[in-house]
Every structure is written in C-alpha cells, then in structure tokens.
Amino acid sequence: MKTVLLLGDSIRMGYDDKVRDILRGRARVVYDAEDNGRFAAYTLWQANQLLRKYGPVDVVHWNNGYWDMNIESPMQEPIHPLPEYRHFLKRILALCRGAGAQVIFATTLPVPGAGGARDGGTGASLHYQNDWVRAYNAEALAVMREENAPVNDLYALCAAQPGLYKCEDGLHLTEEGYDACARKIASVLEKYL
C-alpha cells in the first residue's frame, strides 16, 4: 500500500481526516494532526520532520499561501513576498522529490470580496484580498509548470460555489467545503496509487 503525505496550513487540517477516510484500504495517509504548515518556510521544516518520521512516502499533496501573503501588523509586507514564496516552493518540491515522492501542489482557495479583518486564531488582525490569492496562485502555478509538477486546482473548485464554501471567518471552509475538497483531493491522489 502506498503512503500519502498531506502538507499545508489550517485548510489542510480541515480535510486531512476526510481524505484519510476516503482512501482507507487504498493508501496510508499521514500528516501532522496537531500543527499546520503555516507559511512555506515552516512547511519546509515540517516536511523534513514528517519525511523522517514516516519514512519513504510515495505521494505528497501540499498547499501553502495564506500565511505567506499575510501582512500582519506591524509588518508592512507579506511574511513571504512573491520571490521568497517562489524560493520556498522550489525547496519544498526539491525536498519531497529528493525523498522519492510524486508531488501535487494545491492552489490557495479564494476569499470573499476584497478582503477584511479576520482572526486567524492568533488574536491578530489578519487581512486577505482575493487579488493577493490570485497573485500567489499565479506564482505557484509558474513554479509548478517550470518543475513539471501536477496541480490540484482547489481555487477553481471553491470559486465555482456561491459563498465559496467559506465559514463565518471568511477564510476557513464549511464542512461542506472540506468534504468537497477531500473528495477532489482523493480523486487526484488515486491516479498515483
């Protein structure tokens, strides 16, 4: 049975158990149930820990973006401006491929309207705008094209739905949204099992 590693931020934490349940008996699905991958530099570190913990993995499904584009006061720029985001995406991809895994990148999900303040669980005022999401997705897509890595377009999946599957915080998903993402992720992963 092949092993799948799920990497990513709190969006991943909303669908990871669901993906595991859908693929039960067909794949061993592993992830960090206690901590999210936050921004890409953190995901790089976390991926290294998880690859060591779980041993060889066959497929990695991974997302980053929201934390990278966040401008959290008093900062005046994103945690990872686009050139840094590109740099860390390439490093994560190289690390996972170097461990022998097929890597699938998932696009960052849309946010409603032009953005607004949201509490990301840290007590900080977080702001997101959909034009930021599109810019970070464009950068990620360019990297994945250059590196010949498959992409799971979760942005399009959610953008096609009224309300974008968003819960009250405007960032995370409703259970219906997590279910839809889990089904799409499982269907993409099955091609590599």
C-alpha atoms as a PDB file:
ATOM      1  CA  MET A   1       0.000   0.000   0.000  1.00  0.00           C
ATOM      2  CA  LYS A   2       1.374   3.411  -0.934  1.00  0.00           C
ATOM      3  CA  THR A   3       1.895   6.216   1.579  1.00  0.00           C
ATOM      4  CA  VAL A   4       0.495   9.718   1.009  1.00  0.00           C
ATOM      5  CA  LEU A   5       1.771  12.707   2.996  1.00  0.00           C
ATOM      6  CA  LEU A   6      -0.521  15.730   3.321  1.00  0.00           C
ATOM      7  CA  LEU A   7       1.242  19.065   3.897  1.00  0.00           C
ATOM      8  CA  GLY A   8      -0.254  22.505   4.323  1.00  0.00           C
ATOM      9  CA  ASP A   9      -1.884  25.087   6.533  1.00  0.00           C
ATOM     10  CA  SER A  10      -5.119  25.006   8.557  1.00  0.00           C
ATOM     11  CA  ILE A  11      -7.131  24.372   5.393  1.00  0.00           C
ATOM     12  CA  ARG A  12      -5.290  21.034   5.165  1.00  0.00           C
ATOM     13  CA  MET A  13      -6.194  20.365   8.781  1.00  0.00           C
ATOM     14  CA  GLY A  14      -9.874  20.653   7.824  1.00  0.00           C
ATOM     15  CA  TYR A  15      -9.719  17.928   5.178  1.00  0.00           C
ATOM     16  CA  ASP A  16      -6.896  15.614   6.250  1.00  0.00           C
ATOM     17  CA  ASP A  17      -9.027  13.146   8.256  1.00  0.00           C
ATOM     18  CA  LYS A  18     -11.620  13.125   5.480  1.00  0.00           C
ATOM     19  CA  VAL A  19      -9.028  12.284   2.813  1.00  0.00           C
ATOM     20  CA  ARG A  20      -7.643   9.525   5.052  1.00  0.00           C
ATOM     21  CA  ASP A  21     -11.137   8.075   5.492  1.00  0.00           C
ATOM     22  CA  ILE A  22     -11.934   8.176   1.757  1.00  0.00           C
ATOM     23  CA  LEU A  23      -8.664   6.404   0.901  1.00  0.00           C
ATOM     24  CA  ARG A  24      -8.779   3.898   3.773  1.00  0.00           C
ATOM     25  CA  GLY A  25      -7.686   0.491   2.499  1.00  0.00           C
ATOM     26  CA  ARG A  26      -6.154   2.003  -0.649  1.00  0.00           C
ATOM     27  CA  ALA A  27      -3.427   4.228   0.833  1.00  0.00           C
ATOM     28  CA  ARG A  28      -1.758   5.038   4.112  1.00  0.00           C
ATOM     29  CA  VAL A  29      -2.457   8.764   4.572  1.00  0.00           C
ATOM     30  CA  VAL A  30      -0.204  10.604   7.054  1.00  0.00           C
ATOM     31  CA  TYR A  31       0.013  14.221   8.261  1.00  0.00           C
ATOM     32  CA  ASP A  32       0.685  16.303  11.358  1.00  0.00           C
ATOM     33  CA  ALA A  33      -2.678  16.334  13.122  1.00  0.00           C
ATOM     34  CA  GLU A  34      -1.520  18.800  15.781  1.00  0.00           C
ATOM     35  CA  ASP A  35       0.174  21.552  13.785  1.00  0.00           C
ATOM     36  CA  ASN A  36      -0.367  23.237  10.449  1.00  0.00           C
ATOM     37  CA  GLY A  37       2.328  24.073   7.942  1.00  0.00           C
ATOM     38  CA  ARG A  38       1.656  27.817   8.190  1.00  0.00           C
ATOM     39  CA  PHE A  39       3.945  29.631   5.730  1.00  0.00           C
ATOM     40  CA  ALA A  40       6.206  27.947   3.201  1.00  0.00           C
ATOM     41  CA  ALA A  41       9.430  28.175   5.252  1.00  0.00           C
ATOM     42  CA  TYR A  42       7.657  26.443   8.135  1.00  0.00           C
ATOM     43  CA  THR A  43       6.222  23.819   5.772  1.00  0.00           C
ATOM     44  CA  LEU A  44       9.752  23.115   4.531  1.00  0.00           C
ATOM     45  CA  TRP A  45      10.869  22.413   8.096  1.00  0.00           C
ATOM     46  CA  GLN A  46       7.714  20.402   8.859  1.00  0.00           C
ATOM     47  CA  ALA A  47       8.044  18.349   5.664  1.00  0.00           C
ATOM     48  CA  ASN A  48      11.573  17.403   6.666  1.00  0.00           C
ATOM     49  CA  GLN A  49      10.352  16.261  10.097  1.00  0.00           C
ATOM     50  CA  LEU A  50       7.443  14.275   8.658  1.00  0.00           C
ATOM     51  CA  LEU A  51       9.526  12.614   5.951  1.00  0.00           C
ATOM     52  CA  ARG A  52      11.922  11.473   8.669  1.00  0.00           C
ATOM     53  CA  LYS A  53       9.057  10.337  10.932  1.00  0.00           C
ATOM     54  CA  TYR A  54       7.029   8.419   8.346  1.00  0.00           C
ATOM     55  CA  GLY A  55       9.863   7.123   6.208  1.00  0.00           C
ATOM     56  CA  PRO A  56       9.573   6.908   2.440  1.00  0.00           C
ATOM     57  CA  VAL A  57       6.356   8.359   1.068  1.00  0.00           C
ATOM     58  CA  ASP A  58       5.045   7.812  -2.428  1.00  0.00           C
ATOM     59  CA  VAL A  59       2.908  10.923  -2.924  1.00  0.00           C
ATOM     60  CA  VAL A  60       2.826  14.365  -1.301  1.00  0.00           C
ATOM     61  CA  HIS A  61      -0.252  16.590  -1.624  1.00  0.00           C
ATOM     62  CA  TRP A  62       0.583  20.072  -0.428  1.00  0.00           C
ATOM     63  CA  ASN A  63      -0.710  23.620  -0.145  1.00  0.00           C
ATOM     64  CA  ASN A  64       0.689  26.940   1.076  1.00  0.00           C
ATOM     65  CA  GLY A  65      -0.296  30.535   0.510  1.00  0.00           C
ATOM     66  CA  TYR A  66      -2.493  32.240   3.087  1.00  0.00           C
ATOM     67  CA  TRP A  67       0.206  32.670   5.705  1.00  0.00           C
ATOM     68  CA  ASP A  68       2.785  33.618   3.071  1.00  0.00           C
ATOM     69  CA  MET A  69       0.703  36.503   1.732  1.00  0.00           C
ATOM     70  CA  ASN A  70      -0.451  37.733   5.139  1.00  0.00           C
ATOM     71  CA  ILE A  71       0.613  41.205   6.235  1.00  0.00           C
ATOM     72  CA  GLU A  72       0.288  41.071   9.995  1.00  0.00           C
ATOM     73  CA  SER A  73       0.679  44.388  11.806  1.00  0.00           C
ATOM     74  CA  PRO A  74       3.160  45.900  12.484  1.00  0.00           C
ATOM     75  CA  MET A  75       4.731  44.250   9.411  1.00  0.00           C
ATOM     76  CA  GLN A  76       4.464  46.269   6.217  1.00  0.00           C
ATOM     77  CA  GLU A  77       4.894  43.438   3.724  1.00  0.00           C
ATOM     78  CA  PRO A  78       3.830  39.808   3.447  1.00  0.00           C
ATOM     79  CA  ILE A  79       5.588  37.164   5.511  1.00  0.00           C
ATOM     80  CA  HIS A  80       6.947  35.859   2.200  1.00  0.00           C
ATOM     81  CA  PRO A  81       6.892  38.331  -0.698  1.00  0.00           C
ATOM     82  CA  LEU A  82       6.492  36.564  -4.036  1.00  0.00           C
ATOM     83  CA  PRO A  83      10.236  35.989  -4.713  1.00  0.00           C
ATOM     84  CA  GLU A  84      10.627  34.335  -1.296  1.00  0.00           C
ATOM     85  CA  TYR A  85       7.439  32.338  -1.801  1.00  0.00           C
ATOM     86  CA  ARG A  86       8.841  31.047  -5.108  1.00  0.00           C
ATOM     87  CA  HIS A  87      12.133  30.165  -3.419  1.00  0.00           C
ATOM     88  CA  PHE A  88      10.482  28.122  -0.663  1.00  0.00           C
ATOM     89  CA  LEU A  89       8.052  26.394  -3.040  1.00  0.00           C
ATOM     90  CA  LYS A  90      11.045  25.169  -5.040  1.00  0.00           C
ATOM     91  CA  ARG A  91      12.806  23.984  -1.885  1.00  0.00           C
ATOM     92  CA  ILE A  92       9.749  22.062  -0.646  1.00  0.00           C
ATOM     93  CA  LEU A  93       9.308  20.490  -4.062  1.00  0.00           C
ATOM     94  CA  ALA A  94      13.006  19.509  -4.216  1.00  0.00           C
ATOM     95  CA  LEU A  95      12.952  18.072  -0.687  1.00  0.00           C
ATOM     96  CA  CYS A  96       9.900  15.903  -1.359  1.00  0.00           C
ATOM     97  CA  ARG A  97      11.108  14.771  -4.755  1.00  0.00           C
ATOM     98  CA  GLY A  98      14.545  14.059  -3.308  1.00  0.00           C
ATOM     99  CA  ALA A  99      12.803  11.692  -0.878  1.00  0.00           C
ATOM    100  CA  GLY A 100      11.302   9.874  -3.881  1.00  0.00           C
ATOM    101  CA  ALA A 101       7.771  11.302  -3.735  1.00  0.00           C
ATOM    102  CA  GLN A 102       5.456  12.388  -6.522  1.00  0.00           C
ATOM    103  CA  VAL A 103       4.369  15.911  -5.507  1.00  0.00           C
ATOM    104  CA  ILE A 104       0.984  17.511  -6.194  1.00  0.00           C
ATOM    105  CA  PHE A 105       0.530  21.185  -5.331  1.00  0.00           C
ATOM    106  CA  ALA A 106      -2.930  22.503  -4.407  1.00  0.00           C
ATOM    107  CA  THR A 107      -3.848  26.101  -5.177  1.00  0.00           C
ATOM    108  CA  THR A 108      -4.840  28.506  -2.406  1.00  0.00           C
ATOM    109  CA  LEU A 109      -8.592  28.941  -2.010  1.00  0.00           C
ATOM    110  CA  PRO A 110     -10.439  32.162  -2.894  1.00  0.00           C
ATOM    111  CA  VAL A 111     -11.544  34.645  -0.257  1.00  0.00           C
ATOM    112  CA  PRO A 112     -14.766  36.663  -0.495  1.00  0.00           C
ATOM    113  CA  GLY A 113     -14.731  40.221  -1.811  1.00  0.00           C
ATOM    114  CA  ALA A 114     -11.722  42.473  -1.407  1.00  0.00           C
ATOM    115  CA  GLY A 115     -10.833  41.043   1.979  1.00  0.00           C
ATOM    116  CA  GLY A 116     -11.260  42.210   5.522  1.00  0.00           C
ATOM    117  CA  ALA A 117     -10.088  41.613   9.042  1.00  0.00           C
ATOM    118  CA  ARG A 118     -10.198  38.036  10.278  1.00  0.00           C
ATOM    119  CA  ASP A 119      -8.893  36.428  13.432  1.00  0.00           C
ATOM    120  CA  GLY A 120      -6.632  33.569  12.401  1.00  0.00           C
ATOM    121  CA  GLY A 121      -6.676  32.063  15.878  1.00  0.00           C
ATOM    122  CA  THR A 122      -3.676  34.134  16.934  1.00  0.00           C
ATOM    123  CA  GLY A 123      -5.589  37.167  18.172  1.00  0.00           C
ATOM    124  CA  ALA A 124      -4.015  39.211  15.391  1.00  0.00           C
ATOM    125  CA  SER A 125      -5.932  41.183  12.831  1.00  0.00           C
ATOM    126  CA  LEU A 126      -5.405  39.362   9.557  1.00  0.00           C
ATOM    127  CA  HIS A 127      -6.256  40.779   6.161  1.00  0.00           C
ATOM    128  CA  TYR A 128      -6.650  38.895   2.902  1.00  0.00           C
ATOM    129  CA  GLN A 129      -7.609  40.058  -0.553  1.00  0.00           C
ATOM    130  CA  ASN A 130      -8.525  37.827  -3.438  1.00  0.00           C
ATOM    131  CA  ASP A 131      -6.138  39.657  -5.766  1.00  0.00           C
ATOM    132  CA  TRP A 132      -3.342  38.543  -3.405  1.00  0.00           C
ATOM    133  CA  VAL A 133      -4.610  34.960  -3.635  1.00  0.00           C
ATOM    134  CA  ARG A 134      -4.625  35.141  -7.435  1.00  0.00           C
ATOM    135  CA  ALA A 135      -1.077  36.593  -7.483  1.00  0.00           C
ATOM    136  CA  TYR A 136       0.289  33.909  -5.173  1.00  0.00           C
ATOM    137  CA  ASN A 137      -1.503  31.192  -7.130  1.00  0.00           C
ATOM    138  CA  ALA A 138      -0.048  32.571 -10.377  1.00  0.00           C
ATOM    139  CA  GLU A 139       3.447  32.431  -8.898  1.00  0.00           C
ATOM    140  CA  ALA A 140       2.907  28.880  -7.627  1.00  0.00           C
ATOM    141  CA  LEU A 141       1.491  27.768 -10.979  1.00  0.00           C
ATOM    142  CA  ALA A 142       4.537  29.215 -12.759  1.00  0.00           C
ATOM    143  CA  VAL A 143       6.854  27.254 -10.447  1.00  0.00           C
ATOM    144  CA  MET A 144       4.885  24.037 -10.918  1.00  0.00           C
ATOM    145  CA  ARG A 145       4.933  24.462 -14.715  1.00  0.00           C
ATOM    146  CA  GLU A 146       8.701  25.028 -14.653  1.00  0.00           C
ATOM    147  CA  GLU A 147       9.165  21.984 -12.438  1.00  0.00           C
ATOM    148  CA  ASN A 148       6.622  19.804 -14.270  1.00  0.00           C
ATOM    149  CA  ALA A 149       4.637  19.219 -11.071  1.00  0.00           C
ATOM    150  CA  PRO A 150       0.903  18.458 -11.174  1.00  0.00           C
ATOM    151  CA  VAL A 151      -1.545  20.947  -9.672  1.00  0.00           C
ATOM    152  CA  ASN A 152      -4.851  20.313  -7.933  1.00  0.00           C
ATOM    153  CA  ASP A 153      -6.926  23.449  -8.568  1.00  0.00           C
ATOM    154  CA  LEU A 154      -8.873  23.774  -5.328  1.00  0.00           C
ATOM    155  CA  TYR A 155      -9.247  27.518  -6.021  1.00  0.00           C
ATOM    156  CA  ALA A 156     -11.471  26.741  -9.028  1.00  0.00           C
ATOM    157  CA  LEU A 157     -13.437  24.134  -7.072  1.00  0.00           C
ATOM    158  CA  CYS A 158     -14.367  26.656  -4.360  1.00  0.00           C
ATOM    159  CA  ALA A 159     -14.702  29.682  -6.671  1.00  0.00           C
ATOM    160  CA  ALA A 160     -17.463  27.866  -8.572  1.00  0.00           C
ATOM    161  CA  GLN A 161     -19.663  27.744  -5.456  1.00  0.00           C
ATOM    162  CA  PRO A 162     -21.897  30.551  -4.144  1.00  0.00           C
ATOM    163  CA  GLY A 163     -20.275  31.678  -0.903  1.00  0.00           C
ATOM    164  CA  LEU A 164     -17.014  29.921  -1.880  1.00  0.00           C
ATOM    165  CA  TYR A 165     -17.714  27.263   0.794  1.00  0.00           C
ATOM    166  CA  LYS A 166     -16.484  29.810   3.361  1.00  0.00           C
ATOM    167  CA  CYS A 167     -17.492  29.796   7.029  1.00  0.00           C
ATOM    168  CA  GLU A 168     -18.056  32.965   9.072  1.00  0.00           C
ATOM    169  CA  ASP A 169     -14.382  33.913   9.343  1.00  0.00           C
ATOM    170  CA  GLY A 170     -14.220  34.272   5.539  1.00  0.00           C
ATOM    171  CA  LEU A 171     -11.054  32.190   5.378  1.00  0.00           C
ATOM    172  CA  HIS A 172     -11.734  28.627   6.518  1.00  0.00           C
ATOM    173  CA  LEU A 173     -14.305  26.309   4.970  1.00  0.00           C
ATOM    174  CA  THR A 174     -17.678  24.982   5.947  1.00  0.00           C
ATOM    175  CA  GLU A 175     -17.939  21.215   6.476  1.00  0.00           C
ATOM    176  CA  GLU A 176     -19.484  21.019   3.006  1.00  0.00           C
ATOM    177  CA  GLY A 177     -16.403  22.768   1.626  1.00  0.00           C
ATOM    178  CA  TYR A 178     -13.984  20.476   3.421  1.00  0.00           C
ATOM    179  CA  ASP A 179     -15.969  17.472   2.164  1.00  0.00           C
ATOM    180  CA  ALA A 180     -15.801  18.758  -1.435  1.00  0.00           C
ATOM    181  CA  CYS A 181     -12.058  19.405  -1.175  1.00  0.00           C
ATOM    182  CA  ALA A 182     -11.446  15.966   0.371  1.00  0.00           C
ATOM    183  CA  ARG A 183     -13.315  14.238  -2.456  1.00  0.00           C
ATOM    184  CA  LYS A 184     -11.353  16.188  -5.095  1.00  0.00           C
ATOM    185  CA  ILE A 185      -8.034  15.531  -3.371  1.00  0.00           C
ATOM    186  CA  ALA A 186      -8.781  11.822  -3.040  1.00  0.00           C
ATOM    187  CA  SER A 187      -9.737  11.597  -6.715  1.00  0.00           C
ATOM    188  CA  VAL A 188      -6.464  13.285  -7.738  1.00  0.00           C
ATOM    189  CA  LEU A 189      -4.420  11.100  -5.397  1.00  0.00           C
ATOM    190  CA  GLU A 190      -5.991   7.901  -6.710  1.00  0.00           C
ATOM    191  CA  LYS A 191      -4.226   8.454 -10.044  1.00  0.00           C
ATOM    192  CA  TYR A 192      -0.909   7.954  -8.241  1.00  0.00           C
ATOM    193  CA  LEU A 193      -1.857   4.958  -6.121  1.00  0.00           C
END
